[in-house]
Every structure is written in structure tokens, then in C-alpha cells.
Amino acid sequence: MASQLHVKLSRHFPIAGTLSFNEVLVRKLPRAFKEWVGSMRLMELPSAPEFIFNATELHTGRLWSFSRSRVGSDEIGYTNRY
């Protein structure tokens, strides 16, 4: 799965093809994303493309999602008020 992601990233970020997967994922991609998005709040992100940030909810160990329109998880529920 990691190699498939590396191939996809290298299509969109040509420098990714010359670097290791970890170098791209840990260093280059977050820096590029931060330069592009800056210090925007979730609600300030553009409506397209839709950005969805995922994390692990520590209490349940389940997926927790953050997006422009909602925050939450399938187990606990979602809110659009934040």
C-alpha cells in the first residue's frame, strides 16, 4: 500500500519519485501543505477539493475525521458546529 501511495504522490509531486517514501511523507508533503494552506482554520479551507483530515480517537481507537463541514466519527457521531 505504501508503494502505491508513493507512485501516486510522484505523479503529482515529481520530486517524490527521487526521494524515499518516508522522506516524502514525513518531510516534503507536510511542508508543501503548510505552505499552501498556511494557518487557515478548517472552515476557511476552499470548498473544492474537499479536505478531510483523519486521526485516531484515543478513547475508542477509532477513526476521527475533520473537514470543512463536519468533525467526528461514525461511532460517536458528527457535528457541524465547531
PDB file of N, CA and C in Angstrom:
ATOM      1  N   MET A   1       0.820  -1.175   0.000  1.00  0.00           N
ATOM      2  CA  MET A   1       0.000   0.000   0.000  1.00  0.00           C
ATOM      3  C   MET A   1       0.875   1.254   0.000  1.00  0.00           C
ATOM      4  N   ALA A   2       1.940   1.237   0.765  1.00  0.00           N
ATOM      5  CA  ALA A   2       2.827   2.399   0.814  1.00  0.00           C
ATOM      6  C   ALA A   2       3.436   2.670  -0.549  1.00  0.00           C
ATOM      7  N   SER A   3       3.819   1.623  -1.286  1.00  0.00           N
ATOM      8  CA  SER A   3       4.423   1.847  -2.592  1.00  0.00           C
ATOM      9  C   SER A   3       3.407   2.409  -3.580  1.00  0.00           C
ATOM     10  N   GLN A   4       2.139   2.015  -3.472  1.00  0.00           N
ATOM     11  CA  GLN A   4       1.102   2.569  -4.341  1.00  0.00           C
ATOM     12  C   GLN A   4       0.921   4.056  -4.073  1.00  0.00           C
ATOM     13  N   LEU A   5       0.930   4.439  -2.801  1.00  0.00           N
ATOM     14  CA  LEU A   5       0.812   5.845  -2.440  1.00  0.00           C
ATOM     15  C   LEU A   5       2.022   6.623  -2.961  1.00  0.00           C
ATOM     16  N   HIS A   6       3.201   6.032  -2.853  1.00  0.00           N
ATOM     17  CA  HIS A   6       4.411   6.695  -3.338  1.00  0.00           C
ATOM     18  C   HIS A   6       4.316   6.938  -4.842  1.00  0.00           C
ATOM     19  N   VAL A   7       3.793   5.977  -5.597  1.00  0.00           N
ATOM     20  CA  VAL A   7       3.631   6.145  -7.042  1.00  0.00           C
ATOM     21  C   VAL A   7       2.655   7.282  -7.332  1.00  0.00           C
ATOM     22  N   LYS A   8       1.538   7.325  -6.622  1.00  0.00           N
ATOM     23  CA  LYS A   8       0.554   8.387  -6.839  1.00  0.00           C
ATOM     24  C   LYS A   8       1.125   9.753  -6.480  1.00  0.00           C
ATOM     25  N   LEU A   9       1.849   9.825  -5.363  1.00  0.00           N
ATOM     26  CA  LEU A   9       2.456  11.092  -4.970  1.00  0.00           C
ATOM     27  C   LEU A   9       3.470  11.563  -5.994  1.00  0.00           C
ATOM     28  N   SER A  10       4.243  10.633  -6.555  1.00  0.00           N
ATOM     29  CA  SER A  10       5.275  11.035  -7.501  1.00  0.00           C
ATOM     30  C   SER A  10       4.671  11.575  -8.794  1.00  0.00           C
ATOM     31  N   ARG A  11       3.435  11.202  -9.103  1.00  0.00           N
ATOM     32  CA  ARG A  11       2.762  11.772 -10.270  1.00  0.00           C
ATOM     33  C   ARG A  11       2.435  13.248 -10.052  1.00  0.00           C
ATOM     34  N   HIS A  12       2.016  13.588  -8.831  1.00  0.00           N
ATOM     35  CA  HIS A  12       1.609  14.950  -8.525  1.00  0.00           C
ATOM     36  C   HIS A  12       2.754  15.823  -8.013  1.00  0.00           C
ATOM     37  N   PHE A  13       3.720  15.189  -7.412  1.00  0.00           N
ATOM     38  CA  PHE A  13       4.894  15.878  -6.899  1.00  0.00           C
ATOM     39  C   PHE A  13       6.121  15.214  -7.514  1.00  0.00           C
ATOM     40  N   PRO A  14       6.593  15.681  -8.673  1.00  0.00           N
ATOM     41  CA  PRO A  14       7.681  14.997  -9.383  1.00  0.00           C
ATOM     42  C   PRO A  14       8.908  14.706  -8.528  1.00  0.00           C
ATOM     43  N   ILE A  15       9.209  15.564  -7.571  1.00  0.00           N
ATOM     44  CA  ILE A  15      10.378  15.313  -6.728  1.00  0.00           C
ATOM     45  C   ILE A  15      10.188  14.058  -5.875  1.00  0.00           C
ATOM     46  N   ALA A  16       8.937  13.657  -5.663  1.00  0.00           N
ATOM     47  CA  ALA A  16       8.655  12.484  -4.821  1.00  0.00           C
ATOM     48  C   ALA A  16       9.248  11.213  -5.410  1.00  0.00           C
ATOM     49  N   GLY A  17       9.361  11.135  -6.723  1.00  0.00           N
ATOM     50  CA  GLY A  17       9.921   9.939  -7.352  1.00  0.00           C
ATOM     51  C   GLY A  17      11.382   9.727  -7.049  1.00  0.00           C
ATOM     52  N   THR A  18      12.095  10.783  -6.674  1.00  0.00           N
ATOM     53  CA  THR A  18      13.528  10.669  -6.408  1.00  0.00           C
ATOM     54  C   THR A  18      13.839  10.497  -4.931  1.00  0.00           C
ATOM     55  N   LEU A  19      12.834  10.599  -4.080  1.00  0.00           N
ATOM     56  CA  LEU A  19      13.039  10.507  -2.631  1.00  0.00           C
ATOM     57  C   LEU A  19      12.407   9.237  -2.087  1.00  0.00           C
ATOM     58  N   SER A  20      12.817   8.852  -0.902  1.00  0.00           N
ATOM     59  CA  SER A  20      12.204   7.692  -0.263  1.00  0.00           C
ATOM     60  C   SER A  20      10.777   8.037   0.170  1.00  0.00           C
ATOM     61  N   PHE A  21       9.980   7.007   0.351  1.00  0.00           N
ATOM     62  CA  PHE A  21       8.590   7.206   0.782  1.00  0.00           C
ATOM     63  C   PHE A  21       8.540   7.985   2.086  1.00  0.00           C
ATOM     64  N   ASN A  22       9.383   7.627   3.048  1.00  0.00           N
ATOM     65  CA  ASN A  22       9.381   8.316   4.340  1.00  0.00           C
ATOM     66  C   ASN A  22       9.784   9.777   4.201  1.00  0.00           C
ATOM     67  N   GLU A  23      10.749  10.061   3.336  1.00  0.00           N
ATOM     68  CA  GLU A  23      11.176  11.441   3.123  1.00  0.00           C
ATOM     69  C   GLU A  23      10.019  12.281   2.605  1.00  0.00           C
ATOM     70  N   VAL A  24       9.256  11.712   1.680  1.00  0.00           N
ATOM     71  CA  VAL A  24       8.116  12.437   1.108  1.00  0.00           C
ATOM     72  C   VAL A  24       7.022  12.606   2.138  1.00  0.00           C
ATOM     73  N   LEU A  25       6.650  11.519   2.801  1.00  0.00           N
ATOM     74  CA  LEU A  25       5.525  11.539   3.724  1.00  0.00           C
ATOM     75  C   LEU A  25       5.809  12.347   4.984  1.00  0.00           C
ATOM     76  N   VAL A  26       7.012  12.261   5.500  1.00  0.00           N
ATOM     77  CA  VAL A  26       7.324  12.897   6.773  1.00  0.00           C
ATOM     78  C   VAL A  26       7.828  14.326   6.615  1.00  0.00           C
ATOM     79  N   ARG A  27       8.533  14.618   5.528  1.00  0.00           N
ATOM     80  CA  ARG A  27       9.139  15.951   5.398  1.00  0.00           C
ATOM     81  C   ARG A  27       8.523  16.810   4.305  1.00  0.00           C
ATOM     82  N   LYS A  28       8.538  16.328   3.093  1.00  0.00           N
ATOM     83  CA  LYS A  28       8.178  17.177   1.951  1.00  0.00           C
ATOM     84  C   LYS A  28       6.693  17.497   1.883  1.00  0.00           C
ATOM     85  N   LEU A  29       5.847  16.497   2.010  1.00  0.00           N
ATOM     86  CA  LEU A  29       4.411  16.711   1.866  1.00  0.00           C
ATOM     87  C   LEU A  29       3.856  17.637   2.944  1.00  0.00           C
ATOM     88  N   PRO A  30       4.169  17.417   4.231  1.00  0.00           N
ATOM     89  CA  PRO A  30       3.643  18.349   5.244  1.00  0.00           C
ATOM     90  C   PRO A  30       4.119  19.786   5.049  1.00  0.00           C
ATOM     91  N   ARG A  31       5.369  19.970   4.646  1.00  0.00           N
ATOM     92  CA  ARG A  31       5.877  21.328   4.419  1.00  0.00           C
ATOM     93  C   ARG A  31       5.153  21.997   3.257  1.00  0.00           C
ATOM     94  N   ALA A  32       4.976  21.246   2.168  1.00  0.00           N
ATOM     95  CA  ALA A  32       4.282  21.796   0.997  1.00  0.00           C
ATOM     96  C   ALA A  32       2.839  22.137   1.351  1.00  0.00           C
ATOM     97  N   PHE A  33       2.206  21.264   2.104  1.00  0.00           N
ATOM     98  CA  PHE A  33       0.820  21.501   2.505  1.00  0.00           C
ATOM     99  C   PHE A  33       0.723  22.730   3.392  1.00  0.00           C
ATOM    100  N   LYS A  34       1.641  22.871   4.334  1.00  0.00           N
ATOM    101  CA  LYS A  34       1.612  24.033   5.224  1.00  0.00           C
ATOM    102  C   LYS A  34       1.843  25.327   4.451  1.00  0.00           C
ATOM    103  N   GLU A  35       2.742  25.305   3.458  1.00  0.00           N
ATOM    104  CA  GLU A  35       2.968  26.486   2.639  1.00  0.00           C
ATOM    105  C   GLU A  35       1.716  26.848   1.850  1.00  0.00           C
ATOM    106  N   TRP A  36       0.981  25.846   1.377  1.00  0.00           N
ATOM    107  CA  TRP A  36      -0.203  26.094   0.569  1.00  0.00           C
ATOM    108  C   TRP A  36      -1.377  26.559   1.418  1.00  0.00           C
ATOM    109  N   VAL A  37      -1.613  25.892   2.545  1.00  0.00           N
ATOM    110  CA  VAL A  37      -2.768  26.182   3.391  1.00  0.00           C
ATOM    111  C   VAL A  37      -2.455  27.273   4.410  1.00  0.00           C
ATOM    112  N   GLY A  38      -1.226  27.314   4.909  1.00  0.00           N
ATOM    113  CA  GLY A  38      -0.855  28.318   5.905  1.00  0.00           C
ATOM    114  C   GLY A  38      -1.531  28.046   7.236  1.00  0.00           C
ATOM    115  N   SER A  39      -2.058  29.069   7.852  1.00  0.00           N
ATOM    116  CA  SER A  39      -2.679  28.922   9.167  1.00  0.00           C
ATOM    117  C   SER A  39      -4.195  29.004   9.080  1.00  0.00           C
ATOM    118  N   MET A  40      -4.759  28.555   7.970  1.00  0.00           N
ATOM    119  CA  MET A  40      -6.216  28.589   7.811  1.00  0.00           C
ATOM    120  C   MET A  40      -6.899  27.699   8.838  1.00  0.00           C
ATOM    121  N   ARG A  41      -8.090  28.089   9.221  1.00  0.00           N
ATOM    122  CA  ARG A  41      -8.937  27.237  10.048  1.00  0.00           C
ATOM    123  C   ARG A  41      -9.697  26.307   9.107  1.00  0.00           C
ATOM    124  N   LEU A  42     -10.234  25.234   9.634  1.00  0.00           N
ATOM    125  CA  LEU A  42     -10.960  24.272   8.791  1.00  0.00           C
ATOM    126  C   LEU A  42     -12.045  24.945   7.961  1.00  0.00           C
ATOM    127  N   MET A  43     -12.787  25.849   8.574  1.00  0.00           N
ATOM    128  CA  MET A  43     -13.888  26.498   7.868  1.00  0.00           C
ATOM    129  C   MET A  43     -13.398  27.446   6.777  1.00  0.00           C
ATOM    130  N   GLU A  44     -12.136  27.810   6.816  1.00  0.00           N
ATOM    131  CA  GLU A  44     -11.570  28.719   5.819  1.00  0.00           C
ATOM    132  C   GLU A  44     -10.989  27.989   4.610  1.00  0.00           C
ATOM    133  N   LEU A  45     -10.902  26.666   4.690  1.00  0.00           N
ATOM    134  CA  LEU A  45     -10.377  25.896   3.565  1.00  0.00           C
ATOM    135  C   LEU A  45     -11.303  26.035   2.364  1.00  0.00           C
ATOM    136  N   PRO A  46     -10.771  25.930   1.155  1.00  0.00           N
ATOM    137  CA  PRO A  46     -11.631  26.015  -0.024  1.00  0.00           C
ATOM    138  C   PRO A  46     -12.636  24.875  -0.048  1.00  0.00           C
ATOM    139  N   SER A  47     -13.776  25.100  -0.677  1.00  0.00           N
ATOM    140  CA  SER A  47     -14.796  24.046  -0.726  1.00  0.00           C
ATOM    141  C   SER A  47     -14.415  22.937  -1.702  1.00  0.00           C
ATOM    142  N   ALA A  48     -13.532  23.221  -2.651  1.00  0.00           N
ATOM    143  CA  ALA A  48     -13.070  22.190  -3.572  1.00  0.00           C
ATOM    144  C   ALA A  48     -11.578  22.375  -3.798  1.00  0.00           C
ATOM    145  N   PRO A  49     -10.804  21.333  -3.723  1.00  0.00           N
ATOM    146  CA  PRO A  49     -11.210  19.980  -3.380  1.00  0.00           C
ATOM    147  C   PRO A  49     -11.530  19.881  -1.893  1.00  0.00           C
ATOM    148  N   GLU A  50     -12.312  18.886  -1.544  1.00  0.00           N
ATOM    149  CA  GLU A  50     -12.683  18.705  -0.139  1.00  0.00           C
ATOM    150  C   GLU A  50     -11.520  18.081   0.618  1.00  0.00           C
ATOM    151  N   PHE A  51     -11.079  18.753   1.668  1.00  0.00           N
ATOM    152  CA  PHE A  51     -10.008  18.240   2.508  1.00  0.00           C
ATOM    153  C   PHE A  51     -10.628  17.503   3.687  1.00  0.00           C
ATOM    154  N   ILE A  52     -10.156  16.295   3.940  1.00  0.00           N
ATOM    155  CA  ILE A  52     -10.583  15.517   5.091  1.00  0.00           C
ATOM    156  C   ILE A  52      -9.322  15.063   5.811  1.00  0.00           C
ATOM    157  N   PHE A  53      -9.185  15.452   7.066  1.00  0.00           N
ATOM    158  CA  PHE A  53      -8.046  15.073   7.878  1.00  0.00           C
ATOM    159  C   PHE A  53      -8.503  13.977   8.826  1.00  0.00           C
ATOM    160  N   ASN A  54      -7.755  12.899   8.887  1.00  0.00           N
ATOM    161  CA  ASN A  54      -8.123  11.775   9.742  1.00  0.00           C
ATOM    162  C   ASN A  54      -7.096  11.594  10.848  1.00  0.00           C
ATOM    163  N   ALA A  55      -7.570  11.166  11.986  1.00  0.00           N
ATOM    164  CA  ALA A  55      -6.724  10.885  13.139  1.00  0.00           C
ATOM    165  C   ALA A  55      -7.337   9.717  13.907  1.00  0.00           C
ATOM    166  N   THR A  56      -6.624   9.234  14.890  1.00  0.00           N
ATOM    167  CA  THR A  56      -7.154   8.185  15.750  1.00  0.00           C
ATOM    168  C   THR A  56      -7.718   8.814  17.007  1.00  0.00           C
ATOM    169  N   GLU A  57      -8.965   8.521  17.308  1.00  0.00           N
ATOM    170  CA  GLU A  57      -9.599   8.997  18.530  1.00  0.00           C
ATOM    171  C   GLU A  57      -9.058   8.133  19.660  1.00  0.00           C
ATOM    172  N   LEU A  58      -8.369   8.727  20.612  1.00  0.00           N
ATOM    173  CA  LEU A  58      -7.633   7.958  21.616  1.00  0.00           C
ATOM    174  C   LEU A  58      -8.526   7.183  22.578  1.00  0.00           C
ATOM    175  N   HIS A  59      -9.720   7.644  22.834  1.00  0.00           N
ATOM    176  CA  HIS A  59     -10.605   6.950  23.768  1.00  0.00           C
ATOM    177  C   HIS A  59     -11.080   5.615  23.194  1.00  0.00           C
ATOM    178  N   THR A  60     -11.467   5.608  21.920  1.00  0.00           N
ATOM    179  CA  THR A  60     -12.015   4.387  21.312  1.00  0.00           C
ATOM    180  C   THR A  60     -11.048   3.702  20.358  1.00  0.00           C
ATOM    181  N   GLY A  61     -10.008   4.417  19.916  1.00  0.00           N
ATOM    182  CA  GLY A  61      -9.095   3.865  18.924  1.00  0.00           C
ATOM    183  C   GLY A  61      -9.676   3.867  17.519  1.00  0.00           C
ATOM    184  N   ARG A  62     -10.770   4.554  17.331  1.00  0.00           N
ATOM    185  CA  ARG A  62     -11.440   4.598  16.032  1.00  0.00           C
ATOM    186  C   ARG A  62     -11.045   5.857  15.261  1.00  0.00           C
ATOM    187  N   LEU A  63     -11.429   5.854  13.998  1.00  0.00           N
ATOM    188  CA  LEU A  63     -11.147   6.980  13.114  1.00  0.00           C
ATOM    189  C   LEU A  63     -11.898   8.230  13.560  1.00  0.00           C
ATOM    190  N   TRP A  64     -11.215   9.358  13.542  1.00  0.00           N
ATOM    191  CA  TRP A  64     -11.811  10.664  13.836  1.00  0.00           C
ATOM    192  C   TRP A  64     -11.501  11.555  12.649  1.00  0.00           C
ATOM    193  N   SER A  65     -12.510  12.177  12.068  1.00  0.00           N
ATOM    194  CA  SER A  65     -12.334  12.976  10.856  1.00  0.00           C
ATOM    195  C   SER A  65     -12.629  14.446  11.100  1.00  0.00           C
ATOM    196  N   PHE A  66     -11.843  15.285  10.453  1.00  0.00           N
ATOM    197  CA  PHE A  66     -12.027  16.725  10.481  1.00  0.00           C
ATOM    198  C   PHE A  66     -12.178  17.176   9.037  1.00  0.00           C
ATOM    199  N   SER A  67     -13.172  17.959   8.739  1.00  0.00           N
ATOM    200  CA  SER A  67     -13.324  18.526   7.400  1.00  0.00           C
ATOM    201  C   SER A  67     -13.941  19.914   7.527  1.00  0.00           C
ATOM    202  N   ARG A  68     -14.113  20.553   6.409  1.00  0.00           N
ATOM    203  CA  ARG A  68     -14.685  21.898   6.408  1.00  0.00           C
ATOM    204  C   ARG A  68     -16.116  21.883   6.943  1.00  0.00           C
ATOM    205  N   SER A  69     -16.830  20.809   6.687  1.00  0.00           N
ATOM    206  CA  SER A  69     -18.254  20.771   7.017  1.00  0.00           C
ATOM    207  C   SER A  69     -18.608  20.008   8.292  1.00  0.00           C
ATOM    208  N   ARG A  70     -17.704  19.142   8.787  1.00  0.00           N
ATOM    209  CA  ARG A  70     -18.057  18.382   9.987  1.00  0.00           C
ATOM    210  C   ARG A  70     -16.828  17.819  10.677  1.00  0.00           C
ATOM    211  N   VAL A  71     -17.024  17.454  11.944  1.00  0.00           N
ATOM    212  CA  VAL A  71     -15.982  16.860  12.768  1.00  0.00           C
ATOM    213  C   VAL A  71     -16.614  15.719  13.541  1.00  0.00           C
ATOM    214  N   GLY A  72     -15.930  14.572  13.632  1.00  0.00           N
ATOM    215  CA  GLY A  72     -16.448  13.478  14.432  1.00  0.00           C
ATOM    216  C   GLY A  72     -16.064  12.120  13.901  1.00  0.00           C
ATOM    217  N   SER A  73     -16.854  11.102  14.301  1.00  0.00           N
ATOM    218  CA  SER A  73     -16.595   9.732  13.881  1.00  0.00           C
ATOM    219  C   SER A  73     -17.917   8.983  13.732  1.00  0.00           C
ATOM    220  N   ASP A  74     -17.844   7.849  13.055  1.00  0.00           N
ATOM    221  CA  ASP A  74     -19.040   7.027  12.881  1.00  0.00           C
ATOM    222  C   ASP A  74     -19.561   6.509  14.221  1.00  0.00           C
ATOM    223  N   GLU A  75     -18.646   6.196  15.130  1.00  0.00           N
ATOM    224  CA  GLU A  75     -19.042   5.626  16.420  1.00  0.00           C
ATOM    225  C   GLU A  75     -19.655   6.663  17.355  1.00  0.00           C
ATOM    226  N   ILE A  76     -19.054   7.826  17.439  1.00  0.00           N
ATOM    227  CA  ILE A  76     -19.505   8.854  18.378  1.00  0.00           C
ATOM    228  C   ILE A  76     -20.522   9.791  17.735  1.00  0.00           C
ATOM    229  N   GLY A  77     -20.385  10.005  16.461  1.00  0.00           N
ATOM    230  CA  GLY A  77     -21.255  10.909  15.732  1.00  0.00           C
ATOM    231  C   GLY A  77     -20.502  12.115  15.220  1.00  0.00           C
ATOM    232  N   TYR A  78     -21.175  12.910  14.434  1.00  0.00           N
ATOM    233  CA  TYR A  78     -20.567  14.084  13.812  1.00  0.00           C
ATOM    234  C   TYR A  78     -21.289  15.359  14.243  1.00  0.00           C
ATOM    235  N   THR A  79     -20.559  16.429  14.196  1.00  0.00           N
ATOM    236  CA  THR A  79     -21.156  17.734  14.441  1.00  0.00           C
ATOM    237  C   THR A  79     -20.701  18.693  13.352  1.00  0.00           C
ATOM    238  N   ASN A  80     -21.523  19.615  13.024  1.00  0.00           N
ATOM    239  CA  ASN A  80     -21.111  20.658  12.096  1.00  0.00           C
ATOM    240  C   ASN A  80     -21.016  21.994  12.819  1.00  0.00           C
ATOM    241  N   ARG A  81     -21.071  21.937  14.145  1.00  0.00           N
ATOM    242  CA  ARG A  81     -20.929  23.145  14.973  1.00  0.00           C
ATOM    243  C   ARG A  81     -19.622  23.078  15.733  1.00  0.00           C
ATOM    244  N   TYR A  82     -18.630  23.824  15.280  1.00  0.00           N
ATOM    245  CA  TYR A  82     -17.355  23.854  15.965  1.00  0.00           C
ATOM    246  C   TYR A  82     -16.690  25.177  15.786  1.00  0.00           C
TER     247      TYR A  82
END
